[in-house]
Amino acid sequence: FLNGVVYDFMEKPQEAIVLEPELGRFTLLNMARRIRTELPVSEVTDLIDGLRERAARHESSFVQFLAEPEFMEKFDLASSALILDSPWITYRVDLTMPDDPSIVEDYRAFADLYCQMNAMLNPSQAPPFARMQLNAALAKRGALPTTVHLTLRPKRTFPPTRITLRSEH
């Protein structure tokens, strides 16, 4: 975050994403292939509005849940972890409190747009609405994530199907 612009760098693959909110655009940079792509934020948000409607009408109850996710929110004081739990998804997030509280809203705006952009660029991924709820819960606490553990249980089978992902910020 610098002068109203957000820079997100990834090592593998070698990519960077730049969000310029004042200009209403993402710039995606693929360093290995030397490709630059500009994506208007309005295109992302327009697509996501339709995505929620389609997910709500989907035949899969899991996809319907993803359209309007509801979580039980808990806070583990001993480990400073925020937990959002549902039958389908659990987020466990290690938190940090920033020195400058204004960073929290900047992060939330970026994280909401970023997960929406990811849903647009990777249509096989889950819709962004669960992550957006997590972002809202973080903002409500005035916190930022350091580590996010996401556990998905997309099918109700025996034994239970589980997918766990971890990201560090």
N, C-alpha and C. Protein backbone atom coordinates (compact mmCIF):
# COMPACT_ATOMS: atom_id res chain seq x y z
N PHE A 1 0.85 -1.16 0.00
CA PHE A 1 0.00 0.00 0.00
C PHE A 1 0.90 1.22 0.00
N LEU A 2 0.82 2.02 -1.06
CA LEU A 2 1.66 3.20 -1.16
C LEU A 2 0.94 4.27 -1.98
N ASN A 3 0.71 5.41 -1.36
CA ASN A 3 0.08 6.56 -2.04
C ASN A 3 -1.23 6.19 -2.72
N GLY A 4 -2.05 5.40 -2.05
CA GLY A 4 -3.35 5.03 -2.59
C GLY A 4 -3.35 3.91 -3.61
N VAL A 5 -2.18 3.33 -3.88
CA VAL A 5 -2.06 2.23 -4.83
C VAL A 5 -1.65 0.98 -4.06
N VAL A 6 -2.19 -0.18 -4.47
CA VAL A 6 -1.88 -1.44 -3.80
C VAL A 6 -1.09 -2.32 -4.77
N TYR A 7 0.02 -2.86 -4.26
CA TYR A 7 0.89 -3.73 -5.04
C TYR A 7 0.91 -5.10 -4.38
N ASP A 8 0.61 -6.14 -5.14
CA ASP A 8 0.64 -7.50 -4.62
C ASP A 8 1.61 -8.30 -5.49
N PHE A 9 2.66 -8.82 -4.87
CA PHE A 9 3.69 -9.55 -5.60
C PHE A 9 3.65 -11.03 -5.24
N MET A 10 3.78 -11.88 -6.23
CA MET A 10 3.86 -13.32 -6.03
C MET A 10 5.16 -13.83 -6.64
N GLU A 11 5.79 -14.77 -5.93
CA GLU A 11 7.04 -15.33 -6.44
C GLU A 11 6.81 -16.45 -7.44
N LYS A 12 5.85 -17.33 -7.14
CA LYS A 12 5.55 -18.46 -8.03
C LYS A 12 4.05 -18.52 -8.26
N PRO A 13 3.60 -18.21 -9.41
CA PRO A 13 4.34 -17.72 -10.58
C PRO A 13 4.77 -16.26 -10.36
N GLN A 14 5.72 -15.82 -11.13
CA GLN A 14 6.23 -14.46 -11.02
C GLN A 14 5.20 -13.49 -11.60
N GLU A 15 4.36 -12.98 -10.71
CA GLU A 15 3.29 -12.08 -11.13
C GLU A 15 3.15 -10.96 -10.12
N ALA A 16 2.59 -9.88 -10.58
CA ALA A 16 2.25 -8.76 -9.71
C ALA A 16 0.88 -8.25 -10.13
N ILE A 17 0.14 -7.79 -9.15
CA ILE A 17 -1.15 -7.18 -9.42
C ILE A 17 -1.14 -5.81 -8.76
N VAL A 18 -1.50 -4.81 -9.52
CA VAL A 18 -1.52 -3.44 -9.03
C VAL A 18 -2.97 -2.97 -9.09
N LEU A 19 -3.47 -2.49 -7.96
CA LEU A 19 -4.82 -1.92 -7.91
C LEU A 19 -4.69 -0.42 -7.72
N GLU A 20 -5.26 0.31 -8.66
CA GLU A 20 -5.29 1.76 -8.60
C GLU A 20 -6.75 2.18 -8.44
N PRO A 21 -7.24 2.26 -7.20
CA PRO A 21 -8.65 2.56 -6.98
C PRO A 21 -9.10 3.88 -7.60
N GLU A 22 -8.25 4.91 -7.53
CA GLU A 22 -8.65 6.21 -8.09
C GLU A 22 -8.84 6.15 -9.60
N LEU A 23 -8.11 5.26 -10.27
CA LEU A 23 -8.27 5.09 -11.71
C LEU A 23 -9.26 3.98 -12.05
N GLY A 24 -9.72 3.24 -11.01
CA GLY A 24 -10.70 2.18 -11.23
C GLY A 24 -10.17 1.03 -12.06
N ARG A 25 -8.91 0.61 -11.79
CA ARG A 25 -8.38 -0.47 -12.60
C ARG A 25 -7.38 -1.33 -11.83
N PHE A 26 -7.33 -2.58 -12.29
CA PHE A 26 -6.27 -3.51 -11.92
C PHE A 26 -5.30 -3.55 -13.09
N THR A 27 -4.01 -3.70 -12.78
CA THR A 27 -3.01 -4.01 -13.80
C THR A 27 -2.37 -5.32 -13.39
N LEU A 28 -2.44 -6.31 -14.27
CA LEU A 28 -1.87 -7.63 -14.00
C LEU A 28 -0.58 -7.75 -14.79
N LEU A 29 0.49 -8.11 -14.10
CA LEU A 29 1.80 -8.21 -14.73
C LEU A 29 2.32 -9.63 -14.60
N ASN A 30 2.59 -10.26 -15.73
CA ASN A 30 3.22 -11.58 -15.75
C ASN A 30 4.66 -11.35 -16.20
N MET A 31 5.57 -11.38 -15.21
CA MET A 31 6.97 -11.05 -15.51
C MET A 31 7.63 -12.10 -16.39
N ALA A 32 7.35 -13.36 -16.16
CA ALA A 32 7.99 -14.42 -16.95
C ALA A 32 7.63 -14.31 -18.43
N ARG A 33 6.37 -14.01 -18.72
CA ARG A 33 5.93 -13.93 -20.11
C ARG A 33 5.92 -12.49 -20.64
N ARG A 34 6.25 -11.53 -19.76
CA ARG A 34 6.30 -10.12 -20.13
C ARG A 34 4.97 -9.65 -20.72
N ILE A 35 3.89 -9.95 -19.97
CA ILE A 35 2.55 -9.58 -20.40
C ILE A 35 1.94 -8.64 -19.36
N ARG A 36 1.31 -7.59 -19.85
CA ARG A 36 0.62 -6.62 -18.99
C ARG A 36 -0.84 -6.56 -19.44
N THR A 37 -1.75 -6.68 -18.48
CA THR A 37 -3.18 -6.64 -18.79
C THR A 37 -3.85 -5.63 -17.85
N GLU A 38 -4.69 -4.77 -18.40
CA GLU A 38 -5.46 -3.85 -17.58
C GLU A 38 -6.89 -4.33 -17.54
N LEU A 39 -7.47 -4.27 -16.35
CA LEU A 39 -8.83 -4.76 -16.11
C LEU A 39 -9.60 -3.72 -15.32
N PRO A 40 -10.66 -3.14 -15.90
CA PRO A 40 -11.44 -2.15 -15.16
C PRO A 40 -12.15 -2.80 -13.96
N VAL A 41 -12.11 -2.13 -12.84
CA VAL A 41 -12.79 -2.62 -11.63
C VAL A 41 -14.29 -2.77 -11.90
N SER A 42 -14.86 -1.88 -12.70
CA SER A 42 -16.30 -1.95 -12.99
C SER A 42 -16.69 -3.26 -13.68
N GLU A 43 -15.81 -3.77 -14.55
CA GLU A 43 -16.09 -5.07 -15.19
C GLU A 43 -16.15 -6.18 -14.16
N VAL A 44 -15.25 -6.12 -13.20
CA VAL A 44 -15.19 -7.13 -12.15
C VAL A 44 -16.46 -7.08 -11.31
N THR A 45 -16.83 -5.92 -10.83
CA THR A 45 -17.99 -5.82 -9.94
C THR A 45 -19.30 -6.14 -10.67
N ASP A 46 -19.41 -5.77 -11.94
CA ASP A 46 -20.61 -6.11 -12.71
C ASP A 46 -20.77 -7.61 -12.84
N LEU A 47 -19.68 -8.30 -13.14
CA LEU A 47 -19.73 -9.75 -13.27
C LEU A 47 -20.11 -10.41 -11.95
N ILE A 48 -19.57 -9.92 -10.86
CA ILE A 48 -19.81 -10.53 -9.55
C ILE A 48 -21.27 -10.39 -9.13
N ASP A 49 -21.90 -9.28 -9.47
CA ASP A 49 -23.32 -9.12 -9.16
C ASP A 49 -24.15 -10.23 -9.80
N GLY A 50 -23.87 -10.54 -11.05
CA GLY A 50 -24.58 -11.63 -11.73
C GLY A 50 -24.20 -12.99 -11.18
N LEU A 51 -22.97 -13.14 -10.74
CA LEU A 51 -22.51 -14.42 -10.18
C LEU A 51 -23.30 -14.80 -8.94
N ARG A 52 -23.58 -13.84 -8.07
CA ARG A 52 -24.36 -14.13 -6.85
C ARG A 52 -25.76 -14.66 -7.23
N GLU A 53 -26.38 -14.03 -8.19
CA GLU A 53 -27.72 -14.45 -8.62
C GLU A 53 -27.69 -15.87 -9.18
N ARG A 54 -26.71 -16.17 -10.01
CA ARG A 54 -26.61 -17.52 -10.60
C ARG A 54 -26.30 -18.57 -9.53
N ALA A 55 -25.43 -18.23 -8.59
CA ALA A 55 -25.08 -19.18 -7.53
C ALA A 55 -26.28 -19.45 -6.64
N ALA A 56 -27.10 -18.47 -6.38
CA ALA A 56 -28.28 -18.65 -5.52
C ALA A 56 -29.30 -19.60 -6.16
N ARG A 57 -29.32 -19.67 -7.49
CA ARG A 57 -30.27 -20.55 -8.20
C ARG A 57 -29.67 -21.89 -8.58
N HIS A 58 -28.42 -22.13 -8.22
CA HIS A 58 -27.70 -23.35 -8.62
C HIS A 58 -28.33 -24.58 -7.97
N GLU A 59 -28.21 -25.73 -8.63
CA GLU A 59 -28.77 -26.97 -8.10
C GLU A 59 -28.02 -27.49 -6.88
N SER A 60 -26.75 -27.15 -6.74
CA SER A 60 -25.93 -27.61 -5.62
C SER A 60 -26.19 -26.77 -4.38
N SER A 61 -26.48 -27.42 -3.26
CA SER A 61 -26.70 -26.67 -2.02
C SER A 61 -25.41 -25.99 -1.55
N PHE A 62 -24.26 -26.56 -1.87
CA PHE A 62 -22.99 -25.93 -1.53
C PHE A 62 -22.83 -24.62 -2.28
N VAL A 63 -23.11 -24.61 -3.57
CA VAL A 63 -23.00 -23.39 -4.37
C VAL A 63 -24.03 -22.36 -3.91
N GLN A 64 -25.22 -22.80 -3.55
CA GLN A 64 -26.24 -21.89 -3.00
C GLN A 64 -25.73 -21.24 -1.71
N PHE A 65 -25.09 -22.04 -0.85
CA PHE A 65 -24.50 -21.50 0.37
C PHE A 65 -23.46 -20.43 0.03
N LEU A 66 -22.64 -20.69 -0.99
CA LEU A 66 -21.59 -19.74 -1.37
C LEU A 66 -22.15 -18.41 -1.85
N ALA A 67 -23.40 -18.40 -2.32
CA ALA A 67 -24.03 -17.15 -2.76
C ALA A 67 -24.37 -16.26 -1.57
N GLU A 68 -24.78 -16.85 -0.47
CA GLU A 68 -25.17 -16.11 0.74
C GLU A 68 -24.64 -16.84 1.96
N PRO A 69 -23.33 -16.88 2.15
CA PRO A 69 -22.77 -17.66 3.26
C PRO A 69 -23.12 -17.06 4.63
N GLU A 70 -23.36 -17.95 5.57
CA GLU A 70 -23.62 -17.54 6.95
C GLU A 70 -22.65 -18.30 7.84
N PHE A 71 -22.00 -17.57 8.74
CA PHE A 71 -20.98 -18.15 9.60
C PHE A 71 -21.30 -17.88 11.07
N MET A 72 -20.84 -18.80 11.92
CA MET A 72 -20.79 -18.56 13.35
C MET A 72 -19.40 -17.98 13.60
N GLU A 73 -19.35 -16.81 14.21
CA GLU A 73 -18.07 -16.14 14.44
C GLU A 73 -17.61 -16.36 15.87
N LYS A 74 -16.35 -16.78 16.03
CA LYS A 74 -15.75 -16.99 17.35
C LYS A 74 -14.38 -16.34 17.35
N PHE A 75 -13.91 -15.99 18.56
CA PHE A 75 -12.57 -15.46 18.70
C PHE A 75 -11.85 -16.25 19.78
N ASP A 76 -10.72 -16.82 19.41
CA ASP A 76 -9.89 -17.58 20.35
C ASP A 76 -8.87 -16.61 20.94
N LEU A 77 -9.14 -16.16 22.18
CA LEU A 77 -8.30 -15.17 22.82
C LEU A 77 -6.88 -15.67 23.04
N ALA A 78 -6.74 -16.94 23.38
CA ALA A 78 -5.42 -17.50 23.68
C ALA A 78 -4.48 -17.43 22.47
N SER A 79 -4.99 -17.66 21.28
CA SER A 79 -4.14 -17.67 20.08
C SER A 79 -4.35 -16.45 19.19
N SER A 80 -5.22 -15.52 19.61
CA SER A 80 -5.57 -14.35 18.79
C SER A 80 -6.03 -14.76 17.40
N ALA A 81 -6.89 -15.76 17.36
CA ALA A 81 -7.40 -16.27 16.07
C ALA A 81 -8.89 -16.01 15.95
N LEU A 82 -9.28 -15.55 14.79
CA LEU A 82 -10.69 -15.38 14.45
C LEU A 82 -11.14 -16.62 13.71
N ILE A 83 -12.29 -17.16 14.09
CA ILE A 83 -12.81 -18.37 13.45
C ILE A 83 -14.21 -18.06 12.92
N LEU A 84 -14.40 -18.29 11.63
CA LEU A 84 -15.72 -18.23 11.01
C LEU A 84 -16.05 -19.65 10.61
N ASP A 85 -17.15 -20.17 11.13
CA ASP A 85 -17.45 -21.59 10.95
C ASP A 85 -18.85 -21.77 10.37
N SER A 86 -18.97 -22.77 9.51
CA SER A 86 -20.25 -23.17 8.93
C SER A 86 -20.13 -24.67 8.63
N PRO A 87 -21.23 -25.30 8.29
CA PRO A 87 -21.12 -26.72 7.90
C PRO A 87 -20.27 -26.95 6.65
N TRP A 88 -20.13 -25.93 5.80
CA TRP A 88 -19.43 -26.08 4.53
C TRP A 88 -18.00 -25.56 4.55
N ILE A 89 -17.78 -24.46 5.27
CA ILE A 89 -16.50 -23.76 5.24
C ILE A 89 -16.11 -23.33 6.64
N THR A 90 -14.81 -23.42 6.94
CA THR A 90 -14.28 -22.84 8.17
C THR A 90 -13.05 -22.02 7.82
N TYR A 91 -13.05 -20.78 8.29
CA TYR A 91 -11.87 -19.94 8.23
C TYR A 91 -11.29 -19.85 9.64
N ARG A 92 -9.99 -20.04 9.76
CA ARG A 92 -9.27 -19.77 11.01
C ARG A 92 -8.15 -18.80 10.63
N VAL A 93 -8.18 -17.62 11.25
CA VAL A 93 -7.30 -16.54 10.83
C VAL A 93 -6.50 -16.03 12.01
N ASP A 94 -5.19 -16.05 11.88
CA ASP A 94 -4.31 -15.43 12.88
C ASP A 94 -4.29 -13.94 12.58
N LEU A 95 -4.44 -13.13 13.63
CA LEU A 95 -4.62 -11.69 13.46
C LEU A 95 -3.43 -10.89 13.96
N THR A 96 -3.31 -9.70 13.40
CA THR A 96 -2.40 -8.69 13.92
C THR A 96 -3.14 -7.37 13.92
N MET A 97 -2.77 -6.52 14.84
CA MET A 97 -3.39 -5.20 14.93
C MET A 97 -2.41 -4.19 14.33
N PRO A 98 -2.81 -3.45 13.31
CA PRO A 98 -1.89 -2.50 12.66
C PRO A 98 -1.65 -1.27 13.54
N ASP A 99 -0.49 -0.67 13.35
CA ASP A 99 -0.18 0.58 14.06
C ASP A 99 -1.12 1.70 13.62
N ASP A 100 -1.46 1.70 12.33
CA ASP A 100 -2.33 2.73 11.77
C ASP A 100 -3.68 2.10 11.44
N PRO A 101 -4.74 2.43 12.20
CA PRO A 101 -6.05 1.81 11.97
C PRO A 101 -6.63 2.05 10.57
N SER A 102 -6.21 3.11 9.89
CA SER A 102 -6.75 3.36 8.54
C SER A 102 -6.34 2.28 7.55
N ILE A 103 -5.29 1.55 7.87
CA ILE A 103 -4.83 0.47 6.99
C ILE A 103 -5.89 -0.62 6.86
N VAL A 104 -6.67 -0.81 7.92
CA VAL A 104 -7.68 -1.89 7.92
C VAL A 104 -8.70 -1.68 6.81
N GLU A 105 -9.21 -0.47 6.66
CA GLU A 105 -10.20 -0.22 5.61
C GLU A 105 -9.57 -0.29 4.23
N ASP A 106 -8.33 0.19 4.10
CA ASP A 106 -7.63 0.08 2.82
C ASP A 106 -7.46 -1.40 2.45
N TYR A 107 -7.06 -2.20 3.43
CA TYR A 107 -6.88 -3.64 3.19
C TYR A 107 -8.21 -4.28 2.81
N ARG A 108 -9.28 -3.94 3.52
CA ARG A 108 -10.57 -4.55 3.21
C ARG A 108 -11.02 -4.21 1.79
N ALA A 109 -10.89 -2.96 1.41
CA ALA A 109 -11.30 -2.56 0.05
C ALA A 109 -10.50 -3.35 -0.98
N PHE A 110 -9.19 -3.46 -0.76
CA PHE A 110 -8.35 -4.21 -1.68
C PHE A 110 -8.73 -5.69 -1.68
N ALA A 111 -8.86 -6.30 -0.49
CA ALA A 111 -9.12 -7.74 -0.39
C ALA A 111 -10.47 -8.10 -1.01
N ASP A 112 -11.48 -7.24 -0.83
CA ASP A 112 -12.78 -7.50 -1.45
C ASP A 112 -12.68 -7.47 -2.97
N LEU A 113 -12.03 -6.45 -3.51
CA LEU A 113 -11.89 -6.37 -4.97
C LEU A 113 -11.00 -7.48 -5.51
N TYR A 114 -9.96 -7.81 -4.77
CA TYR A 114 -9.02 -8.84 -5.21
C TYR A 114 -9.70 -10.21 -5.31
N CYS A 115 -10.50 -10.57 -4.30
CA CYS A 115 -11.16 -11.89 -4.37
C CYS A 115 -12.23 -11.90 -5.46
N GLN A 116 -12.84 -10.75 -5.74
CA GLN A 116 -13.80 -10.68 -6.84
C GLN A 116 -13.08 -10.84 -8.18
N MET A 117 -11.91 -10.18 -8.31
CA MET A 117 -11.13 -10.31 -9.54
C MET A 117 -10.70 -11.76 -9.74
N ASN A 118 -10.27 -12.42 -8.65
CA ASN A 118 -9.88 -13.83 -8.76
C ASN A 118 -11.04 -14.70 -9.23
N ALA A 119 -12.24 -14.42 -8.73
CA ALA A 119 -13.41 -15.19 -9.17
C ALA A 119 -13.68 -14.97 -10.66
N MET A 120 -13.42 -13.78 -11.14
CA MET A 120 -13.62 -13.49 -12.56
C MET A 120 -12.57 -14.19 -13.41
N LEU A 121 -11.31 -14.14 -12.98
CA LEU A 121 -10.23 -14.71 -13.77
C LEU A 121 -10.13 -16.23 -13.66
N ASN A 122 -10.68 -16.78 -12.59
CA ASN A 122 -10.63 -18.23 -12.35
C ASN A 122 -12.05 -18.73 -12.09
N PRO A 123 -12.86 -18.88 -13.13
CA PRO A 123 -14.27 -19.22 -12.95
C PRO A 123 -14.52 -20.55 -12.24
N SER A 124 -13.52 -21.43 -12.20
CA SER A 124 -13.74 -22.72 -11.53
C SER A 124 -13.59 -22.59 -10.01
N GLN A 125 -13.12 -21.45 -9.53
CA GLN A 125 -13.00 -21.23 -8.09
C GLN A 125 -14.35 -20.86 -7.49
N ALA A 126 -14.40 -20.94 -6.17
CA ALA A 126 -15.63 -20.58 -5.46
C ALA A 126 -15.92 -19.09 -5.61
N PRO A 127 -17.18 -18.70 -5.58
CA PRO A 127 -17.52 -17.28 -5.60
C PRO A 127 -16.86 -16.57 -4.40
N PRO A 128 -16.70 -15.27 -4.46
CA PRO A 128 -15.92 -14.55 -3.45
C PRO A 128 -16.65 -14.16 -2.18
N PHE A 129 -17.92 -14.51 -2.05
CA PHE A 129 -18.74 -13.92 -1.00
C PHE A 129 -18.36 -14.38 0.42
N ALA A 130 -17.88 -15.61 0.56
CA ALA A 130 -17.43 -16.07 1.87
C ALA A 130 -16.20 -15.28 2.30
N ARG A 131 -15.25 -15.09 1.39
CA ARG A 131 -14.05 -14.33 1.73
C ARG A 131 -14.40 -12.87 2.04
N MET A 132 -15.39 -12.33 1.35
CA MET A 132 -15.81 -10.96 1.62
C MET A 132 -16.41 -10.85 3.03
N GLN A 133 -17.08 -11.90 3.49
CA GLN A 133 -17.59 -11.88 4.86
C GLN A 133 -16.45 -11.93 5.86
N LEU A 134 -15.42 -12.72 5.55
CA LEU A 134 -14.24 -12.74 6.41
C LEU A 134 -13.60 -11.36 6.45
N ASN A 135 -13.47 -10.70 5.31
CA ASN A 135 -12.90 -9.36 5.26
C ASN A 135 -13.69 -8.39 6.13
N ALA A 136 -15.02 -8.51 6.11
CA ALA A 136 -15.87 -7.64 6.94
C ALA A 136 -15.64 -7.92 8.43
N ALA A 137 -15.50 -9.20 8.79
CA ALA A 137 -15.26 -9.56 10.19
C ALA A 137 -13.91 -9.03 10.66
N LEU A 138 -12.90 -9.08 9.81
CA LEU A 138 -11.59 -8.53 10.15
C LEU A 138 -11.69 -7.02 10.36
N ALA A 139 -12.37 -6.34 9.47
CA ALA A 139 -12.51 -4.88 9.57
C ALA A 139 -13.26 -4.50 10.85
N LYS A 140 -14.29 -5.28 11.19
CA LYS A 140 -15.06 -5.00 12.40
C LYS A 140 -14.16 -5.07 13.64
N ARG A 141 -13.18 -5.96 13.62
CA ARG A 141 -12.25 -6.10 14.75
C ARG A 141 -11.06 -5.16 14.64
N GLY A 142 -10.94 -4.44 13.52
CA GLY A 142 -9.80 -3.55 13.33
C GLY A 142 -8.50 -4.31 13.17
N ALA A 143 -8.57 -5.50 12.56
CA ALA A 143 -7.42 -6.39 12.47
C ALA A 143 -7.08 -6.72 11.03
N LEU A 144 -5.87 -7.22 10.86
CA LEU A 144 -5.39 -7.72 9.57
C LEU A 144 -5.01 -9.19 9.73
N PRO A 145 -5.12 -9.97 8.65
CA PRO A 145 -4.72 -11.38 8.75
C PRO A 145 -3.21 -11.53 8.58
N THR A 146 -2.65 -12.47 9.33
CA THR A 146 -1.26 -12.86 9.08
C THR A 146 -1.23 -14.22 8.40
N THR A 147 -2.10 -15.12 8.85
CA THR A 147 -2.23 -16.43 8.24
C THR A 147 -3.71 -16.77 8.15
N VAL A 148 -4.13 -17.30 7.00
CA VAL A 148 -5.53 -17.71 6.81
C VAL A 148 -5.54 -19.20 6.49
N HIS A 149 -6.29 -19.96 7.27
CA HIS A 149 -6.51 -21.38 7.02
C HIS A 149 -7.96 -21.51 6.57
N LEU A 150 -8.16 -22.06 5.41
CA LEU A 150 -9.51 -22.25 4.85
C LEU A 150 -9.74 -23.75 4.70
N THR A 151 -10.79 -24.23 5.35
CA THR A 151 -11.18 -25.63 5.20
C THR A 151 -12.52 -25.68 4.50
N LEU A 152 -12.57 -26.39 3.38
CA LEU A 152 -13.80 -26.57 2.60
C LEU A 152 -14.31 -27.99 2.80
N ARG A 153 -15.61 -28.11 2.95
CA ARG A 153 -16.27 -29.41 3.01
C ARG A 153 -17.40 -29.38 1.98
N PRO A 154 -17.06 -29.45 0.68
CA PRO A 154 -18.06 -29.23 -0.36
C PRO A 154 -19.08 -30.35 -0.52
N LYS A 155 -18.75 -31.55 -0.03
CA LYS A 155 -19.69 -32.66 -0.18
C LYS A 155 -19.93 -33.30 1.17
N ARG A 156 -21.14 -33.65 1.40
CA ARG A 156 -21.48 -34.32 2.66
C ARG A 156 -21.42 -35.82 2.42
N THR A 157 -20.23 -36.34 2.60
CA THR A 157 -19.99 -37.75 2.35
C THR A 157 -19.43 -38.41 3.60
N PHE A 158 -19.38 -39.70 3.59
CA PHE A 158 -18.71 -40.42 4.67
C PHE A 158 -17.64 -41.30 4.06
N PRO A 159 -16.39 -41.18 4.42
CA PRO A 159 -15.89 -40.16 5.36
C PRO A 159 -15.97 -38.77 4.73
N PRO A 160 -15.99 -37.74 5.58
CA PRO A 160 -16.15 -36.38 5.07
C PRO A 160 -15.03 -35.98 4.11
N THR A 161 -15.41 -35.26 3.05
CA THR A 161 -14.46 -34.71 2.11
C THR A 161 -13.99 -33.37 2.67
N ARG A 162 -12.66 -33.17 2.75
CA ARG A 162 -12.10 -31.93 3.28
C ARG A 162 -10.97 -31.45 2.37
N ILE A 163 -10.96 -30.16 2.13
CA ILE A 163 -9.88 -29.52 1.42
C ILE A 163 -9.40 -28.38 2.31
N THR A 164 -8.11 -28.35 2.62
CA THR A 164 -7.58 -27.28 3.47
C THR A 164 -6.51 -26.51 2.72
N LEU A 165 -6.65 -25.20 2.75
CA LEU A 165 -5.71 -24.29 2.09
C LEU A 165 -5.16 -23.33 3.14
N ARG A 166 -3.95 -22.87 2.91
CA ARG A 166 -3.30 -21.94 3.85
C ARG A 166 -2.63 -20.83 3.05
N SER A 167 -2.79 -19.61 3.52
CA SER A 167 -2.09 -18.49 2.89
C SER A 167 -1.48 -17.61 3.97
N GLU A 168 -0.35 -17.03 3.63
CA GLU A 168 0.33 -16.11 4.54
C GLU A 168 0.31 -14.71 3.94
N HIS A 169 0.11 -13.75 4.81
CA HIS A 169 0.03 -12.35 4.36
C HIS A 169 1.16 -11.57 4.98
